[in-house]
């Protein structure tokens, strides 16, 4: 009887070296975040000091108070939440349905559509900003809620850039579900609609979580589209634009800039903490697919 092949395990010195390298890489990645929070807590004289130190003996929250007390910050925060939540919800729903259609149905032009999804991800965002601006201005003549200076324009643009990647990513998860499972559900009397939402949807949940995180980050941190499409209506500006208030011609308020950046990072971290378990399995499944 053939014995099962043993799984290769790294030697102890090799494992130690790998762990050291992982810690060094994690430290390099986390250092900008640490410096941002540190600068937000430093008094202004320490920030402007010619001899910066990686610590502070007199932390202060005056920068956070100045940012939270600035006019319109709460409104900008709410606008960012609305745009990010709507984009995440719609991208998850539409990408799931599109992935099911591309995987479970055979129709003319399916291969062409898949190639177009790949091509859409290769186009630089900067090259499409101006054409999209004129397109949204034309759309605003028909549907004012989706024209320039409206949050609807940001939602549409973010969906246009998020859906190709989300569809391509979820396609691997849907394809990994065996067709025999659908056939068994059909024999048991389940309709295609019931199978899709009660069986298939929970099975691809890790992939949905992974795409939702990427969609949320893309919509939450966006500055280019918000600056381009929201021109004169300051009430519809998003949170990244609120930090521009502290970039002044005479002298930048770096303490407030770092405090505002820290406040912007908190919702992303909170969202990541809630979905981290499914995110890891989702990214692993994407690699396999």
C-alpha atoms as a PDB file:
ATOM      1  CA  UNK A   1       0.000   0.000   0.000  1.00  0.00           C
ATOM      2  CA  UNK A   2       1.367   3.344  -1.027  1.00  0.00           C
ATOM      3  CA  UNK A   3       2.062   5.655   1.872  1.00  0.00           C
ATOM      4  CA  UNK A   4       0.755   9.225   1.681  1.00  0.00           C
ATOM      5  CA  UNK A   5       3.327  11.810   0.792  1.00  0.00           C
ATOM      6  CA  UNK A   6       4.462  13.836   3.727  1.00  0.00           C
ATOM      7  CA  UNK A   7       3.876  17.563   3.585  1.00  0.00           C
ATOM      8  CA  UNK A   8       7.105  19.510   3.425  1.00  0.00           C
ATOM      9  CA  UNK A   9       7.851  21.590   6.495  1.00  0.00           C
ATOM     10  CA  UNK A  10      10.546  24.241   6.672  1.00  0.00           C
ATOM     11  CA  UNK A  11      13.471  23.655   8.982  1.00  0.00           C
ATOM     12  CA  UNK A  12      13.682  25.555  12.215  1.00  0.00           C
ATOM     13  CA  UNK A  13      16.391  28.019  10.998  1.00  0.00           C
ATOM     14  CA  UNK A  14      14.456  28.597   7.782  1.00  0.00           C
ATOM     15  CA  UNK A  15      11.248  29.199   9.692  1.00  0.00           C
ATOM     16  CA  UNK A  16      13.030  31.639  11.991  1.00  0.00           C
ATOM     17  CA  UNK A  17      14.414  33.578   9.037  1.00  0.00           C
ATOM     18  CA  UNK A  18      10.965  33.690   7.421  1.00  0.00           C
ATOM     19  CA  UNK A  19       9.412  35.016  10.623  1.00  0.00           C
ATOM     20  CA  UNK A  20      12.104  37.692  10.957  1.00  0.00           C
ATOM     21  CA  UNK A  21      11.565  38.788   7.359  1.00  0.00           C
ATOM     22  CA  UNK A  22       7.788  38.891   7.946  1.00  0.00           C
ATOM     23  CA  UNK A  23       8.242  41.062  11.044  1.00  0.00           C
ATOM     24  CA  UNK A  24      10.573  43.449   9.181  1.00  0.00           C
ATOM     25  CA  UNK A  25       8.155  43.767   6.256  1.00  0.00           C
ATOM     26  CA  UNK A  26       5.232  44.334   8.639  1.00  0.00           C
ATOM     27  CA  UNK A  27       7.236  47.021  10.454  1.00  0.00           C
ATOM     28  CA  UNK A  28       8.074  48.805   7.203  1.00  0.00           C
ATOM     29  CA  UNK A  29       4.434  48.716   6.121  1.00  0.00           C
ATOM     30  CA  UNK A  30       3.119  49.860   9.510  1.00  0.00           C
ATOM     31  CA  UNK A  31       5.653  52.645  10.089  1.00  0.00           C
ATOM     32  CA  UNK A  32       3.857  55.290   7.934  1.00  0.00           C
ATOM     33  CA  UNK A  33       0.646  54.570   9.834  1.00  0.00           C
ATOM     34  CA  UNK A  34       2.479  54.912  13.145  1.00  0.00           C
ATOM     35  CA  UNK A  35       4.083  58.196  12.073  1.00  0.00           C
ATOM     36  CA  UNK A  36       0.718  59.560  10.957  1.00  0.00           C
ATOM     37  CA  UNK A  37      -0.896  58.836  14.344  1.00  0.00           C
ATOM     38  CA  UNK A  38       2.191  60.130  16.164  1.00  0.00           C
ATOM     39  CA  UNK A  39       2.137  63.394  14.207  1.00  0.00           C
ATOM     40  CA  UNK A  40      -1.554  63.781  14.984  1.00  0.00           C
ATOM     41  CA  UNK A  41      -0.756  63.545  18.705  1.00  0.00           C
ATOM     42  CA  UNK A  42       2.341  65.747  18.697  1.00  0.00           C
ATOM     43  CA  UNK A  43       2.153  69.450  19.619  1.00  0.00           C
ATOM     44  CA  UNK A  44       2.781  71.815  16.718  1.00  0.00           C
ATOM     45  CA  UNK A  45       6.322  72.805  17.839  1.00  0.00           C
ATOM     46  CA  UNK A  46       7.386  69.147  17.840  1.00  0.00           C
ATOM     47  CA  UNK A  47       5.952  68.614  14.358  1.00  0.00           C
ATOM     48  CA  UNK A  48       7.861  71.612  13.012  1.00  0.00           C
ATOM     49  CA  UNK A  49      11.058  70.707  14.838  1.00  0.00           C
ATOM     50  CA  UNK A  50      14.181  70.204  12.726  1.00  0.00           C
ATOM     51  CA  UNK A  51      15.061  67.192  14.876  1.00  0.00           C
ATOM     52  CA  UNK A  52      12.021  64.868  14.639  1.00  0.00           C
ATOM     53  CA  UNK A  53      11.697  62.099  17.197  1.00  0.00           C
ATOM     54  CA  UNK A  54       9.737  58.835  16.861  1.00  0.00           C
ATOM     55  CA  UNK A  55       7.924  59.529  20.132  1.00  0.00           C
ATOM     56  CA  UNK A  56       6.328  62.364  22.065  1.00  0.00           C
ATOM     57  CA  UNK A  57       6.365  63.144  25.775  1.00  0.00           C
ATOM     58  CA  UNK A  58       3.450  65.589  25.627  1.00  0.00           C
ATOM     59  CA  UNK A  59       0.645  64.073  23.515  1.00  0.00           C
ATOM     60  CA  UNK A  60      -2.232  66.385  22.702  1.00  0.00           C
ATOM     61  CA  UNK A  61      -5.653  66.101  21.086  1.00  0.00           C
ATOM     62  CA  UNK A  62      -5.844  69.702  19.941  1.00  0.00           C
ATOM     63  CA  UNK A  63      -5.416  68.686  16.300  1.00  0.00           C
ATOM     64  CA  UNK A  64      -8.346  66.268  16.506  1.00  0.00           C
ATOM     65  CA  UNK A  65     -10.458  68.942  18.191  1.00  0.00           C
ATOM     66  CA  UNK A  66      -9.611  71.407  15.425  1.00  0.00           C
ATOM     67  CA  UNK A  67     -10.521  68.900  12.720  1.00  0.00           C
ATOM     68  CA  UNK A  68     -13.769  67.782  14.352  1.00  0.00           C
ATOM     69  CA  UNK A  69     -14.692  71.389  15.030  1.00  0.00           C
ATOM     70  CA  UNK A  70     -14.127  72.530  11.452  1.00  0.00           C
ATOM     71  CA  UNK A  71     -17.215  73.503   9.485  1.00  0.00           C
ATOM     72  CA  UNK A  72     -18.681  70.728   7.378  1.00  0.00           C
ATOM     73  CA  UNK A  73     -16.517  67.865   8.633  1.00  0.00           C
ATOM     74  CA  UNK A  74     -19.499  65.857   9.906  1.00  0.00           C
ATOM     75  CA  UNK A  75     -21.297  66.435   6.609  1.00  0.00           C
ATOM     76  CA  UNK A  76     -18.276  65.284   4.601  1.00  0.00           C
ATOM     77  CA  UNK A  77     -17.995  62.195   6.782  1.00  0.00           C
ATOM     78  CA  UNK A  78     -21.659  61.331   6.213  1.00  0.00           C
ATOM     79  CA  UNK A  79     -21.293  61.809   2.453  1.00  0.00           C
ATOM     80  CA  UNK A  80     -18.322  59.433   2.381  1.00  0.00           C
ATOM     81  CA  UNK A  81     -20.270  56.839   4.364  1.00  0.00           C
ATOM     82  CA  UNK A  82     -23.250  57.087   2.008  1.00  0.00           C
ATOM     83  CA  UNK A  83     -21.134  56.738  -1.127  1.00  0.00           C
ATOM     84  CA  UNK A  84     -19.052  53.852   0.260  1.00  0.00           C
ATOM     85  CA  UNK A  85     -22.033  51.880   1.612  1.00  0.00           C
ATOM     86  CA  UNK A  86     -24.063  52.249  -1.597  1.00  0.00           C
ATOM     87  CA  UNK A  87     -21.100  51.297  -3.777  1.00  0.00           C
ATOM     88  CA  UNK A  88     -20.300  48.239  -1.650  1.00  0.00           C
ATOM     89  CA  UNK A  89     -23.918  47.045  -1.574  1.00  0.00           C
ATOM     90  CA  UNK A  90     -24.521  47.501  -5.301  1.00  0.00           C
ATOM     91  CA  UNK A  91     -21.151  46.097  -6.336  1.00  0.00           C
ATOM     92  CA  UNK A  92     -21.697  42.952  -4.245  1.00  0.00           C
ATOM     93  CA  UNK A  93     -25.185  42.400  -5.652  1.00  0.00           C
ATOM     94  CA  UNK A  94     -24.420  43.158  -9.294  1.00  0.00           C
ATOM     95  CA  UNK A  95     -21.065  41.374  -9.361  1.00  0.00           C
ATOM     96  CA  UNK A  96     -22.602  38.251  -7.813  1.00  0.00           C
ATOM     97  CA  UNK A  97     -25.420  38.127 -10.361  1.00  0.00           C
ATOM     98  CA  UNK A  98     -23.010  38.813 -13.226  1.00  0.00           C
ATOM     99  CA  UNK A  99     -20.605  36.121 -12.011  1.00  0.00           C
ATOM    100  CA  UNK A 100     -23.450  33.598 -11.833  1.00  0.00           C
ATOM    101  CA  UNK A 101     -24.533  34.490 -15.355  1.00  0.00           C
ATOM    102  CA  UNK A 102     -21.003  34.220 -16.773  1.00  0.00           C
ATOM    103  CA  UNK A 103     -20.335  30.905 -15.022  1.00  0.00           C
ATOM    104  CA  UNK A 104     -23.630  29.029 -15.079  1.00  0.00           C
ATOM    105  CA  UNK A 105     -25.044  30.075 -18.464  1.00  0.00           C
ATOM    106  CA  UNK A 106     -23.751  29.671 -21.996  1.00  0.00           C
ATOM    107  CA  UNK A 107     -24.616  32.586 -24.253  1.00  0.00           C
ATOM    108  CA  UNK A 108     -23.184  34.246 -27.308  1.00  0.00           C
ATOM    109  CA  UNK A 109     -20.465  36.779 -26.591  1.00  0.00           C
ATOM    110  CA  UNK A 110     -19.550  35.467 -23.153  1.00  0.00           C
ATOM    111  CA  UNK A 111     -15.853  35.215 -23.981  1.00  0.00           C
ATOM    112  CA  UNK A 112     -15.863  38.705 -25.456  1.00  0.00           C
ATOM    113  CA  UNK A 113     -17.476  40.034 -22.300  1.00  0.00           C
ATOM    114  CA  UNK A 114     -14.809  38.403 -20.122  1.00  0.00           C
ATOM    115  CA  UNK A 115     -12.057  39.930 -22.238  1.00  0.00           C
ATOM    116  CA  UNK A 116     -13.729  43.334 -21.965  1.00  0.00           C
ATOM    117  CA  UNK A 117     -13.733  43.002 -18.177  1.00  0.00           C
ATOM    118  CA  UNK A 118      -9.986  42.483 -18.246  1.00  0.00           C
ATOM    119  CA  UNK A 119      -9.422  45.361 -20.639  1.00  0.00           C
ATOM    120  CA  UNK A 120     -11.495  47.672 -18.444  1.00  0.00           C
ATOM    121  CA  UNK A 121      -9.078  47.075 -15.562  1.00  0.00           C
ATOM    122  CA  UNK A 122      -6.064  47.989 -17.694  1.00  0.00           C
ATOM    123  CA  UNK A 123      -7.224  51.495 -18.600  1.00  0.00           C
ATOM    124  CA  UNK A 124      -5.643  54.166 -16.357  1.00  0.00           C
ATOM    125  CA  UNK A 125      -8.106  56.035 -14.186  1.00  0.00           C
ATOM    126  CA  UNK A 126      -6.545  59.392 -15.097  1.00  0.00           C
ATOM    127  CA  UNK A 127      -7.198  58.786 -18.795  1.00  0.00           C
ATOM    128  CA  UNK A 128     -10.941  58.414 -18.203  1.00  0.00           C
ATOM    129  CA  UNK A 129     -11.506  61.228 -15.708  1.00  0.00           C
ATOM    130  CA  UNK A 130     -12.217  64.007 -18.218  1.00  0.00           C
ATOM    131  CA  UNK A 131     -14.446  61.877 -20.509  1.00  0.00           C
ATOM    132  CA  UNK A 132     -16.365  60.696 -17.457  1.00  0.00           C
ATOM    133  CA  UNK A 133     -16.836  64.297 -16.340  1.00  0.00           C
ATOM    134  CA  UNK A 134     -18.508  65.230 -19.618  1.00  0.00           C
ATOM    135  CA  UNK A 135     -20.528  62.016 -19.525  1.00  0.00           C
ATOM    136  CA  UNK A 136     -21.812  62.733 -16.020  1.00  0.00           C
ATOM    137  CA  UNK A 137     -22.668  66.283 -17.038  1.00  0.00           C
ATOM    138  CA  UNK A 138     -24.745  64.910 -19.907  1.00  0.00           C
ATOM    139  CA  UNK A 139     -26.378  62.350 -17.631  1.00  0.00           C
ATOM    140  CA  UNK A 140     -27.279  65.172 -15.259  1.00  0.00           C
ATOM    141  CA  UNK A 141     -29.424  66.762 -17.958  1.00  0.00           C
ATOM    142  CA  UNK A 142     -31.601  63.639 -18.003  1.00  0.00           C
ATOM    143  CA  UNK A 143     -31.253  62.496 -14.385  1.00  0.00           C
ATOM    144  CA  UNK A 144     -30.172  65.397 -12.142  1.00  0.00           C
ATOM    145  CA  UNK A 145     -29.473  63.085  -9.201  1.00  0.00           C
ATOM    146  CA  UNK A 146     -26.569  61.525 -11.137  1.00  0.00           C
ATOM    147  CA  UNK A 147     -25.068  64.663 -12.625  1.00  0.00           C
ATOM    148  CA  UNK A 148     -22.028  66.618 -11.540  1.00  0.00           C
ATOM    149  CA  UNK A 149     -22.069  68.120  -8.035  1.00  0.00           C
ATOM    150  CA  UNK A 150     -24.207  65.162  -6.879  1.00  0.00           C
ATOM    151  CA  UNK A 151     -23.239  62.090  -4.893  1.00  0.00           C
ATOM    152  CA  UNK A 152     -24.964  59.920  -7.492  1.00  0.00           C
ATOM    153  CA  UNK A 153     -22.216  60.696 -10.007  1.00  0.00           C
ATOM    154  CA  UNK A 154     -19.565  59.405  -7.600  1.00  0.00           C
ATOM    155  CA  UNK A 155     -21.563  56.230  -6.997  1.00  0.00           C
ATOM    156  CA  UNK A 156     -21.905  55.498 -10.718  1.00  0.00           C
ATOM    157  CA  UNK A 157     -18.231  56.120 -11.440  1.00  0.00           C
ATOM    158  CA  UNK A 158     -17.040  53.978  -8.540  1.00  0.00           C
ATOM    159  CA  UNK A 159     -19.346  51.175  -9.638  1.00  0.00           C
ATOM    160  CA  UNK A 160     -17.958  51.383 -13.163  1.00  0.00           C
ATOM    161  CA  UNK A 161     -14.414  50.896 -11.877  1.00  0.00           C
ATOM    162  CA  UNK A 162     -15.259  48.370  -9.167  1.00  0.00           C
ATOM    163  CA  UNK A 163     -17.528  45.951 -11.020  1.00  0.00           C
ATOM    164  CA  UNK A 164     -15.023  44.546 -13.586  1.00  0.00           C
ATOM    165  CA  UNK A 165     -12.599  43.424 -10.896  1.00  0.00           C
ATOM    166  CA  UNK A 166     -15.380  42.212  -8.577  1.00  0.00           C
ATOM    167  CA  UNK A 167     -17.023  40.166 -11.352  1.00  0.00           C
ATOM    168  CA  UNK A 168     -13.763  38.589 -12.422  1.00  0.00           C
ATOM    169  CA  UNK A 169     -12.883  37.747  -8.824  1.00  0.00           C
ATOM    170  CA  UNK A 170     -16.283  36.255  -7.942  1.00  0.00           C
ATOM    171  CA  UNK A 171     -16.339  34.229 -11.130  1.00  0.00           C
ATOM    172  CA  UNK A 172     -13.715  31.924  -9.646  1.00  0.00           C
ATOM    173  CA  UNK A 173     -15.768  31.376  -6.487  1.00  0.00           C
ATOM    174  CA  UNK A 174     -18.946  30.581  -8.395  1.00  0.00           C
ATOM    175  CA  UNK A 175     -17.087  28.230 -10.734  1.00  0.00           C
ATOM    176  CA  UNK A 176     -15.644  26.382  -7.721  1.00  0.00           C
ATOM    177  CA  UNK A 177     -19.137  25.327  -6.624  1.00  0.00           C
ATOM    178  CA  UNK A 178     -19.766  21.935  -8.309  1.00  0.00           C
ATOM    179  CA  UNK A 179     -22.659  21.666 -10.699  1.00  0.00           C
ATOM    180  CA  UNK A 180     -23.625  18.406  -9.025  1.00  0.00           C
ATOM    181  CA  UNK A 181     -24.744  20.454  -6.047  1.00  0.00           C
ATOM    182  CA  UNK A 182     -27.136  22.411  -8.243  1.00  0.00           C
ATOM    183  CA  UNK A 183     -28.422  19.221  -9.819  1.00  0.00           C
ATOM    184  CA  UNK A 184     -29.020  17.709  -6.378  1.00  0.00           C
ATOM    185  CA  UNK A 185     -30.903  20.818  -5.282  1.00  0.00           C
ATOM    186  CA  UNK A 186     -33.018  20.665  -8.424  1.00  0.00           C
ATOM    187  CA  UNK A 187     -33.879  17.010  -7.741  1.00  0.00           C
ATOM    188  CA  UNK A 188     -34.962  18.022  -4.237  1.00  0.00           C
ATOM    189  CA  UNK A 189     -37.361  20.549  -5.749  1.00  0.00           C
ATOM    190  CA  UNK A 190     -35.360  23.767  -5.340  1.00  0.00           C
ATOM    191  CA  UNK A 191     -35.823  26.331  -8.070  1.00  0.00           C
ATOM    192  CA  UNK A 192     -32.880  28.107  -9.680  1.00  0.00           C
ATOM    193  CA  UNK A 193     -33.750  31.265  -7.750  1.00  0.00           C
ATOM    194  CA  UNK A 194     -33.799  29.391  -4.434  1.00  0.00           C
ATOM    195  CA  UNK A 195     -30.531  27.608  -5.210  1.00  0.00           C
ATOM    196  CA  UNK A 196     -28.835  30.881  -6.133  1.00  0.00           C
ATOM    197  CA  UNK A 197     -29.770  32.763  -2.973  1.00  0.00           C
ATOM    198  CA  UNK A 198     -30.023  30.038  -0.329  1.00  0.00           C
ATOM    199  CA  UNK A 199     -27.157  27.748  -1.378  1.00  0.00           C
ATOM    200  CA  UNK A 200     -24.822  29.460  -3.829  1.00  0.00           C
ATOM    201  CA  UNK A 201     -24.813  32.878  -2.180  1.00  0.00           C
ATOM    202  CA  UNK A 202     -23.631  31.604   1.259  1.00  0.00           C
ATOM    203  CA  UNK A 203     -20.948  29.456  -0.380  1.00  0.00           C
ATOM    204  CA  UNK A 204     -19.377  32.440  -2.170  1.00  0.00           C
ATOM    205  CA  UNK A 205     -19.692  34.714   0.868  1.00  0.00           C
ATOM    206  CA  UNK A 206     -15.894  34.829   1.452  1.00  0.00           C
ATOM    207  CA  UNK A 207     -15.417  36.120  -2.081  1.00  0.00           C
ATOM    208  CA  UNK A 208     -18.128  38.720  -1.557  1.00  0.00           C
ATOM    209  CA  UNK A 209     -16.387  39.908   1.611  1.00  0.00           C
ATOM    210  CA  UNK A 210     -13.047  40.226  -0.179  1.00  0.00           C
ATOM    211  CA  UNK A 211     -14.556  42.261  -3.013  1.00  0.00           C
ATOM    212  CA  UNK A 212     -16.536  44.392  -0.571  1.00  0.00           C
ATOM    213  CA  UNK A 213     -13.352  45.382   1.278  1.00  0.00           C
ATOM    214  CA  UNK A 214     -11.658  46.441  -1.937  1.00  0.00           C
ATOM    215  CA  UNK A 215     -14.774  48.319  -3.085  1.00  0.00           C
ATOM    216  CA  UNK A 216     -15.049  50.086   0.257  1.00  0.00           C
ATOM    217  CA  UNK A 217     -11.409  51.193   0.246  1.00  0.00           C
ATOM    218  CA  UNK A 218     -11.661  52.417  -3.345  1.00  0.00           C
ATOM    219  CA  UNK A 219     -14.765  54.496  -2.662  1.00  0.00           C
ATOM    220  CA  UNK A 220     -13.711  55.715   0.789  1.00  0.00           C
ATOM    221  CA  UNK A 221     -10.233  56.948  -0.144  1.00  0.00           C
ATOM    222  CA  UNK A 222     -11.167  58.462  -3.484  1.00  0.00           C
ATOM    223  CA  UNK A 223      -9.924  61.987  -4.054  1.00  0.00           C
ATOM    224  CA  UNK A 224      -9.625  62.332  -7.827  1.00  0.00           C
ATOM    225  CA  UNK A 225     -13.265  61.728  -8.739  1.00  0.00           C
ATOM    226  CA  UNK A 226     -14.576  63.674  -5.756  1.00  0.00           C
ATOM    227  CA  UNK A 227     -12.423  66.653  -6.701  1.00  0.00           C
ATOM    228  CA  UNK A 228     -13.420  66.407 -10.379  1.00  0.00           C
ATOM    229  CA  UNK A 229     -17.176  65.838 -10.153  1.00  0.00           C
ATOM    230  CA  UNK A 230     -18.090  67.782  -7.006  1.00  0.00           C
ATOM    231  CA  UNK A 231     -17.118  71.269  -8.129  1.00  0.00           C
ATOM    232  CA  UNK A 232     -19.297  73.926  -6.557  1.00  0.00           C
ATOM    233  CA  UNK A 233     -21.713  72.071  -4.247  1.00  0.00           C
ATOM    234  CA  UNK A 234     -19.689  71.950  -1.031  1.00  0.00           C
ATOM    235  CA  UNK A 235     -22.477  70.128   0.812  1.00  0.00           C
ATOM    236  CA  UNK A 236     -21.858  67.029  -1.322  1.00  0.00           C
ATOM    237  CA  UNK A 237     -18.093  66.924  -0.881  1.00  0.00           C
ATOM    238  CA  UNK A 238     -16.567  63.822   0.674  1.00  0.00           C
ATOM    239  CA  UNK A 239     -14.112  63.365   3.513  1.00  0.00           C
ATOM    240  CA  UNK A 240     -10.834  63.427   1.504  1.00  0.00           C
ATOM    241  CA  UNK A 241     -11.731  66.930   0.365  1.00  0.00           C
ATOM    242  CA  UNK A 242     -12.176  68.072   3.965  1.00  0.00           C
ATOM    243  CA  UNK A 243      -8.430  67.709   4.534  1.00  0.00           C
ATOM    244  CA  UNK A 244      -7.768  70.280   1.791  1.00  0.00           C
ATOM    245  CA  UNK A 245      -8.983  72.965   4.185  1.00  0.00           C
ATOM    246  CA  UNK A 246      -5.785  72.549   6.195  1.00  0.00           C
ATOM    247  CA  UNK A 247      -3.493  72.924   3.187  1.00  0.00           C
ATOM    248  CA  UNK A 248      -2.952  76.661   3.340  1.00  0.00           C
ATOM    249  CA  UNK A 249      -0.851  78.851   1.012  1.00  0.00           C
ATOM    250  CA  UNK A 250       1.145  80.421   3.838  1.00  0.00           C
ATOM    251  CA  UNK A 251       1.719  77.297   5.959  1.00  0.00           C
ATOM    252  CA  UNK A 252       0.217  73.806   6.007  1.00  0.00           C
ATOM    253  CA  UNK A 253      -1.393  72.676   9.245  1.00  0.00           C
ATOM    254  CA  UNK A 254       0.309  69.286   9.385  1.00  0.00           C
ATOM    255  CA  UNK A 255      -1.098  68.402  12.782  1.00  0.00           C
ATOM    256  CA  UNK A 256      -4.663  68.773  11.535  1.00  0.00           C
ATOM    257  CA  UNK A 257      -3.797  67.006   8.274  1.00  0.00           C
ATOM    258  CA  UNK A 258      -2.457  63.999  10.157  1.00  0.00           C
ATOM    259  CA  UNK A 259      -5.412  64.047  12.556  1.00  0.00           C
ATOM    260  CA  UNK A 260      -7.865  64.128   9.657  1.00  0.00           C
ATOM    261  CA  UNK A 261      -6.004  61.295   7.924  1.00  0.00           C
ATOM    262  CA  UNK A 262      -6.148  59.266  11.146  1.00  0.00           C
ATOM    263  CA  UNK A 263      -9.890  59.803  11.445  1.00  0.00           C
ATOM    264  CA  UNK A 264     -10.271  58.714   7.821  1.00  0.00           C
ATOM    265  CA  UNK A 265      -8.364  55.511   8.519  1.00  0.00           C
ATOM    266  CA  UNK A 266     -10.462  54.429  11.512  1.00  0.00           C
ATOM    267  CA  UNK A 267     -13.616  53.360   9.554  1.00  0.00           C
ATOM    268  CA  UNK A 268     -11.474  51.263   7.186  1.00  0.00           C
ATOM    269  CA  UNK A 269      -9.801  49.511  10.114  1.00  0.00           C
ATOM    270  CA  UNK A 270     -13.149  48.906  11.834  1.00  0.00           C
ATOM    271  CA  UNK A 271     -14.630  47.472   8.643  1.00  0.00           C
ATOM    272  CA  UNK A 272     -11.564  45.270   8.180  1.00  0.00           C
ATOM    273  CA  UNK A 273     -11.739  43.955  11.758  1.00  0.00           C
ATOM    274  CA  UNK A 274     -15.346  42.834  11.268  1.00  0.00           C
ATOM    275  CA  UNK A 275     -14.638  40.928   8.049  1.00  0.00           C
ATOM    276  CA  UNK A 276     -11.017  39.822   8.501  1.00  0.00           C
ATOM    277  CA  UNK A 277     -11.779  36.118   8.998  1.00  0.00           C
ATOM    278  CA  UNK A 278     -13.799  35.814   5.833  1.00  0.00           C
ATOM    279  CA  UNK A 279     -11.401  38.122   4.015  1.00  0.00           C
ATOM    280  CA  UNK A 280      -8.456  35.746   4.453  1.00  0.00           C
ATOM    281  CA  UNK A 281     -10.417  32.765   3.131  1.00  0.00           C
ATOM    282  CA  UNK A 282     -11.808  34.929   0.359  1.00  0.00           C
ATOM    283  CA  UNK A 283      -8.391  36.011  -0.891  1.00  0.00           C
ATOM    284  CA  UNK A 284      -7.157  32.423  -0.662  1.00  0.00           C
ATOM    285  CA  UNK A 285     -10.099  31.272  -2.742  1.00  0.00           C
ATOM    286  CA  UNK A 286      -9.423  34.007  -5.289  1.00  0.00           C
ATOM    287  CA  UNK A 287      -5.855  32.763  -5.706  1.00  0.00           C
ATOM    288  CA  UNK A 288      -7.067  29.202  -6.206  1.00  0.00           C
ATOM    289  CA  UNK A 289      -9.699  30.325  -8.697  1.00  0.00           C
END
